[in-house]
């Protein structure tokens, strides 16, 4: 199924038939099907609407190289809510998908019943992400690396050898750059979502008005979205709860699914 506006198409799949709607957004390099393992645990309590992020799965922007902005994203997802007759909903997101979920939480604050954020990107801007996306000259470097990646790969390896960058991050970056298709997706995702940024103080104020319940699932060994970078924001929320798992980043969705199987009380709606 799709939310369509002109030539822009936002693809989603529906899991479950419960009374509580949850909008789910996957992480980088994944697609909507990555929520299947979590959806299978929720039984008849919720209906999960699992979206493909742009540049992933079957979602398409009318102009692939034009970055999406928060008002446009809110317009598309507002159209979805209207089409489905959804008033209040939960938000579930992993890593890069949190940029979509937090945009929704900002724009539809009074309608969000609960947020479940798994290693959320978009709260603490990573230095390397800023370097790669904000200076125009660096975006050009990344763009050229789509076709000729060796110079960039050599730089990443050198940074790892000098311990400027964590070796786990180096391996993660090398894996994400090992084919032209992946490199193009990195370039488009990093540059295409660069306007989905947040003032964390204002975001905390929005979430604290009700206050909206927010559950964080974090990996103790996650070097991509480390706990340390989120601690200040989590501490600023009036209704936040953190679950720390003995895990890294890449497979954290599945670790969360396993945890929820043992602790179904974490799935409380409010």
Protein backbone atom coordinates (compact mmCIF):
# COMPACT_ATOMS: atom_id res chain seq x y z
CA UNK A 1 0.00 0.00 0.00
CA UNK A 2 1.07 3.58 -0.65
CA UNK A 3 0.53 7.15 0.46
CA UNK A 4 0.70 9.03 -2.84
CA UNK A 5 1.17 12.71 -3.56
CA UNK A 6 2.03 13.49 -7.16
CA UNK A 7 5.01 11.30 -8.08
CA UNK A 8 6.01 10.84 -4.43
CA UNK A 9 5.05 7.44 -2.99
CA UNK A 10 5.48 6.35 0.63
CA UNK A 11 5.08 2.59 0.87
CA UNK A 12 3.82 0.78 3.96
CA UNK A 13 2.70 -2.66 5.08
CA UNK A 14 0.14 -3.49 7.76
CA UNK A 15 0.75 -6.07 10.51
CA UNK A 16 -1.92 -7.07 13.01
CA UNK A 17 -5.52 -5.96 13.47
CA UNK A 18 -5.55 -4.57 17.00
CA UNK A 19 -7.32 -1.40 18.16
CA UNK A 20 -4.15 0.63 18.79
CA UNK A 21 -2.38 1.97 15.66
CA UNK A 22 1.43 2.18 15.71
CA UNK A 23 3.49 3.79 12.95
CA UNK A 24 6.87 2.08 12.58
CA UNK A 25 10.01 3.34 10.84
CA UNK A 26 13.01 1.07 10.21
CA UNK A 27 16.72 1.90 10.21
CA UNK A 28 19.27 2.57 7.49
CA UNK A 29 19.69 -0.22 4.94
CA UNK A 30 16.51 -2.01 6.05
CA UNK A 31 12.89 -2.02 4.90
CA UNK A 32 9.42 -2.31 6.38
CA UNK A 33 9.71 -6.10 6.80
CA UNK A 34 12.24 -5.68 9.61
CA UNK A 35 9.36 -4.99 12.01
CA UNK A 36 7.78 -8.39 11.37
CA UNK A 37 9.52 -10.03 14.33
CA UNK A 38 8.31 -7.31 16.71
CA UNK A 39 4.81 -7.25 15.21
CA UNK A 40 4.43 -10.98 15.81
CA UNK A 41 4.79 -10.38 19.57
CA UNK A 42 2.11 -7.75 19.87
CA UNK A 43 -0.79 -10.10 19.19
CA UNK A 44 -4.17 -8.48 18.77
CA UNK A 45 -3.35 -5.36 20.78
CA UNK A 46 -2.03 -3.18 17.97
CA UNK A 47 -2.03 -2.62 14.25
CA UNK A 48 1.48 -1.77 13.02
CA UNK A 49 1.78 0.40 9.92
CA UNK A 50 5.35 -0.26 8.85
CA UNK A 51 6.81 2.27 6.39
CA UNK A 52 9.70 2.05 3.95
CA UNK A 53 11.92 5.11 4.41
CA UNK A 54 12.67 6.98 1.22
CA UNK A 55 15.63 5.50 -0.71
CA UNK A 56 14.67 2.13 0.81
CA UNK A 57 12.18 -0.51 -0.22
CA UNK A 58 9.38 0.75 -2.46
CA UNK A 59 9.10 4.36 -1.28
CA UNK A 60 9.98 7.01 -3.86
CA UNK A 61 10.42 10.77 -3.80
CA UNK A 62 9.33 12.74 -6.88
CA UNK A 63 12.85 14.21 -7.00
CA UNK A 64 15.30 11.66 -5.61
CA UNK A 65 18.08 14.20 -5.08
CA UNK A 66 15.93 16.88 -3.41
CA UNK A 67 16.10 16.63 0.41
CA UNK A 68 12.80 16.19 2.20
CA UNK A 69 11.82 18.70 4.85
CA UNK A 70 9.76 18.21 7.98
CA UNK A 71 6.64 20.09 6.76
CA UNK A 72 6.50 17.93 3.62
CA UNK A 73 6.94 14.73 5.63
CA UNK A 74 4.20 15.84 8.04
CA UNK A 75 1.95 16.58 5.07
CA UNK A 76 2.44 13.08 3.66
CA UNK A 77 1.93 11.30 6.97
CA UNK A 78 -0.99 13.58 7.85
CA UNK A 79 -2.58 12.45 4.58
CA UNK A 80 -2.00 8.83 5.66
CA UNK A 81 -3.67 9.44 9.06
CA UNK A 82 -6.65 11.04 7.36
CA UNK A 83 -6.98 8.20 4.83
CA UNK A 84 -6.87 5.60 7.61
CA UNK A 85 -9.11 7.54 10.00
CA UNK A 86 -6.46 7.47 12.74
CA UNK A 87 -6.70 10.01 15.54
CA UNK A 88 -4.22 8.85 18.22
CA UNK A 89 -1.27 6.56 17.58
CA UNK A 90 2.05 5.25 18.84
CA UNK A 91 5.43 5.62 17.14
CA UNK A 92 8.07 2.90 16.89
CA UNK A 93 11.45 3.61 15.31
CA UNK A 94 14.98 2.26 14.94
CA UNK A 95 18.10 4.33 14.27
CA UNK A 96 17.59 6.57 11.20
CA UNK A 97 13.86 5.89 11.34
CA UNK A 98 13.71 8.02 14.50
CA UNK A 99 14.09 11.10 12.29
CA UNK A 100 10.67 10.27 10.85
CA UNK A 101 9.13 9.37 14.22
CA UNK A 102 10.44 12.50 15.96
CA UNK A 103 9.16 14.67 13.10
CA UNK A 104 5.73 13.13 13.71
CA UNK A 105 6.03 13.66 17.46
CA UNK A 106 6.83 17.33 16.87
CA UNK A 107 4.06 18.00 14.38
CA UNK A 108 1.29 15.83 15.87
CA UNK A 109 2.27 16.14 19.54
CA UNK A 110 -1.24 15.92 21.00
CA UNK A 111 -2.04 12.81 19.00
CA UNK A 112 1.00 10.70 19.94
CA UNK A 113 0.17 8.22 22.70
CA UNK A 114 3.62 6.61 23.15
CA UNK A 115 7.08 6.57 21.56
CA UNK A 116 9.31 3.49 21.45
CA UNK A 117 12.77 4.54 20.21
CA UNK A 118 15.46 1.93 19.49
CA UNK A 119 18.96 3.48 19.29
CA UNK A 120 17.41 6.66 17.86
CA UNK A 121 19.30 8.80 15.38
CA UNK A 122 18.51 12.50 15.09
CA UNK A 123 18.79 13.45 18.78
CA UNK A 124 22.55 13.77 19.11
CA UNK A 125 24.12 14.83 15.83
CA UNK A 126 27.17 12.68 15.16
CA UNK A 127 30.30 14.57 14.12
CA UNK A 128 30.89 12.42 11.03
CA UNK A 129 27.28 12.82 9.90
CA UNK A 130 27.57 16.62 10.19
CA UNK A 131 30.84 16.60 8.27
CA UNK A 132 29.40 14.45 5.49
CA UNK A 133 26.14 16.35 5.00
CA UNK A 134 26.37 20.01 5.89
CA UNK A 135 29.47 21.43 4.11
CA UNK A 136 28.62 21.41 0.36
CA UNK A 137 32.21 20.49 -0.53
CA UNK A 138 32.01 17.36 1.63
CA UNK A 139 28.74 16.31 0.03
CA UNK A 140 30.57 16.52 -3.29
CA UNK A 141 33.30 14.24 -1.92
CA UNK A 142 30.71 11.71 -0.80
CA UNK A 143 28.92 12.00 -4.14
CA UNK A 144 32.13 11.24 -6.08
CA UNK A 145 32.78 8.27 -3.80
CA UNK A 146 29.64 6.57 -5.16
CA UNK A 147 31.58 5.82 -8.36
CA UNK A 148 35.16 5.92 -7.03
CA UNK A 149 35.12 4.86 -3.37
CA UNK A 150 38.72 3.83 -2.80
CA UNK A 151 39.99 7.20 -1.56
CA UNK A 152 37.16 7.43 0.96
CA UNK A 153 37.67 3.82 2.06
CA UNK A 154 41.39 4.46 2.53
CA UNK A 155 40.60 7.53 4.66
CA UNK A 156 38.18 5.57 6.84
CA UNK A 157 40.73 2.77 7.32
CA UNK A 158 43.46 5.28 8.21
CA UNK A 159 41.20 6.93 10.80
CA UNK A 160 40.57 3.53 12.34
CA UNK A 161 44.27 2.65 12.43
CA UNK A 162 45.03 5.94 14.20
CA UNK A 163 42.15 5.25 16.63
CA UNK A 164 40.49 8.53 15.66
CA UNK A 165 37.37 6.50 14.85
CA UNK A 166 36.22 3.40 16.73
CA UNK A 167 37.15 0.20 14.86
CA UNK A 168 33.55 -1.00 15.12
CA UNK A 169 32.42 2.12 13.29
CA UNK A 170 35.10 1.56 10.66
CA UNK A 171 33.82 -1.96 9.98
CA UNK A 172 30.24 -0.65 9.88
CA UNK A 173 31.21 2.05 7.35
CA UNK A 174 33.19 -0.38 5.19
CA UNK A 175 30.22 -2.75 5.05
CA UNK A 176 27.88 0.09 4.04
CA UNK A 177 30.23 1.19 1.24
CA UNK A 178 31.12 -2.18 -0.29
CA UNK A 179 28.85 -1.88 -3.36
CA UNK A 180 27.72 0.93 -5.67
CA UNK A 181 24.09 0.37 -4.64
CA UNK A 182 24.95 0.78 -0.96
CA UNK A 183 27.12 3.83 -1.59
CA UNK A 184 24.33 5.52 -3.53
CA UNK A 185 21.88 4.78 -0.71
CA UNK A 186 24.33 6.21 1.86
CA UNK A 187 24.73 9.38 -0.19
CA UNK A 188 21.02 9.87 -0.81
CA UNK A 189 19.96 9.02 2.74
CA UNK A 190 22.55 11.23 4.44
CA UNK A 191 21.91 14.19 2.16
CA UNK A 192 18.19 13.56 1.61
CA UNK A 193 17.38 13.54 5.35
CA UNK A 194 19.74 16.34 6.36
CA UNK A 195 16.87 18.74 7.12
CA UNK A 196 15.24 16.31 9.56
CA UNK A 197 17.00 17.84 12.55
CA UNK A 198 15.72 18.85 15.98
CA UNK A 199 16.27 21.40 18.69
CA UNK A 200 16.40 18.95 21.60
CA UNK A 201 15.28 21.53 24.17
CA UNK A 202 12.18 22.38 22.15
CA UNK A 203 11.54 18.70 21.44
CA UNK A 204 11.72 17.90 25.17
CA UNK A 205 9.25 20.71 25.88
CA UNK A 206 6.83 19.27 23.32
CA UNK A 207 7.08 15.78 24.81
CA UNK A 208 6.80 17.07 28.39
CA UNK A 209 3.53 18.94 27.90
CA UNK A 210 1.35 15.87 28.51
CA UNK A 211 3.89 14.26 29.25
CA UNK A 212 4.20 11.73 26.41
CA UNK A 213 5.64 8.34 27.49
CA UNK A 214 8.94 7.59 25.73
CA UNK A 215 10.70 4.22 25.99
CA UNK A 216 14.33 3.99 24.83
CA UNK A 217 15.88 0.65 23.89
CA UNK A 218 19.68 1.01 23.74
CA UNK A 219 22.61 -1.32 23.13
CA UNK A 220 25.39 -1.32 25.71
CA UNK A 221 27.96 -2.00 22.96
CA UNK A 222 26.42 0.28 20.33
CA UNK A 223 29.13 2.48 18.81
CA UNK A 224 26.87 3.97 16.13
CA UNK A 225 24.30 5.51 18.53
CA UNK A 226 26.01 5.33 21.95
CA UNK A 227 24.08 5.84 25.18
CA UNK A 228 26.36 8.67 26.27
CA UNK A 229 25.12 10.89 23.44
CA UNK A 230 21.48 10.43 24.49
CA UNK A 231 21.81 10.68 28.27
CA UNK A 232 21.21 14.44 28.51
CA UNK A 233 18.09 14.35 26.33
CA UNK A 234 16.63 11.34 28.16
CA UNK A 235 17.24 13.12 31.46
CA UNK A 236 15.28 16.15 30.24
CA UNK A 237 12.09 14.12 29.70
CA UNK A 238 9.45 13.80 32.41
CA UNK A 239 8.12 10.41 31.31
CA UNK A 240 11.08 8.48 29.89
CA UNK A 241 12.13 4.90 30.53
CA UNK A 242 15.36 3.27 29.31
CA UNK A 243 15.98 -0.41 28.61
CA UNK A 244 19.68 -1.26 28.20
CA UNK A 245 20.38 -4.44 26.24
CA UNK A 246 23.64 -6.39 25.99
CA UNK A 247 23.89 -5.72 22.26
CA UNK A 248 25.49 -3.63 19.53
CA UNK A 249 23.69 -1.64 16.83
CA UNK A 250 23.03 -3.62 13.66
CA UNK A 251 20.73 -6.34 15.00
CA UNK A 252 19.18 -4.35 17.82
CA UNK A 253 15.63 -4.71 16.46
CA UNK A 254 15.89 -8.46 16.93
CA UNK A 255 17.35 -8.08 20.42
CA UNK A 256 14.40 -5.84 21.28
CA UNK A 257 11.99 -8.45 19.89
CA UNK A 258 13.61 -11.10 22.09
CA UNK A 259 13.44 -8.80 25.12
CA UNK A 260 9.76 -8.00 24.53
CA UNK A 261 8.98 -11.68 24.33
CA UNK A 262 10.27 -11.98 27.91
CA UNK A 263 8.90 -8.62 29.13
CA UNK A 264 5.52 -7.93 27.50
CA UNK A 265 4.81 -5.26 30.11
CA UNK A 266 7.16 -2.94 28.17
CA UNK A 267 4.52 -2.78 25.46
CA UNK A 268 2.19 -0.71 27.61
CA UNK A 269 0.39 1.93 25.59
CA UNK A 270 0.67 4.71 28.11
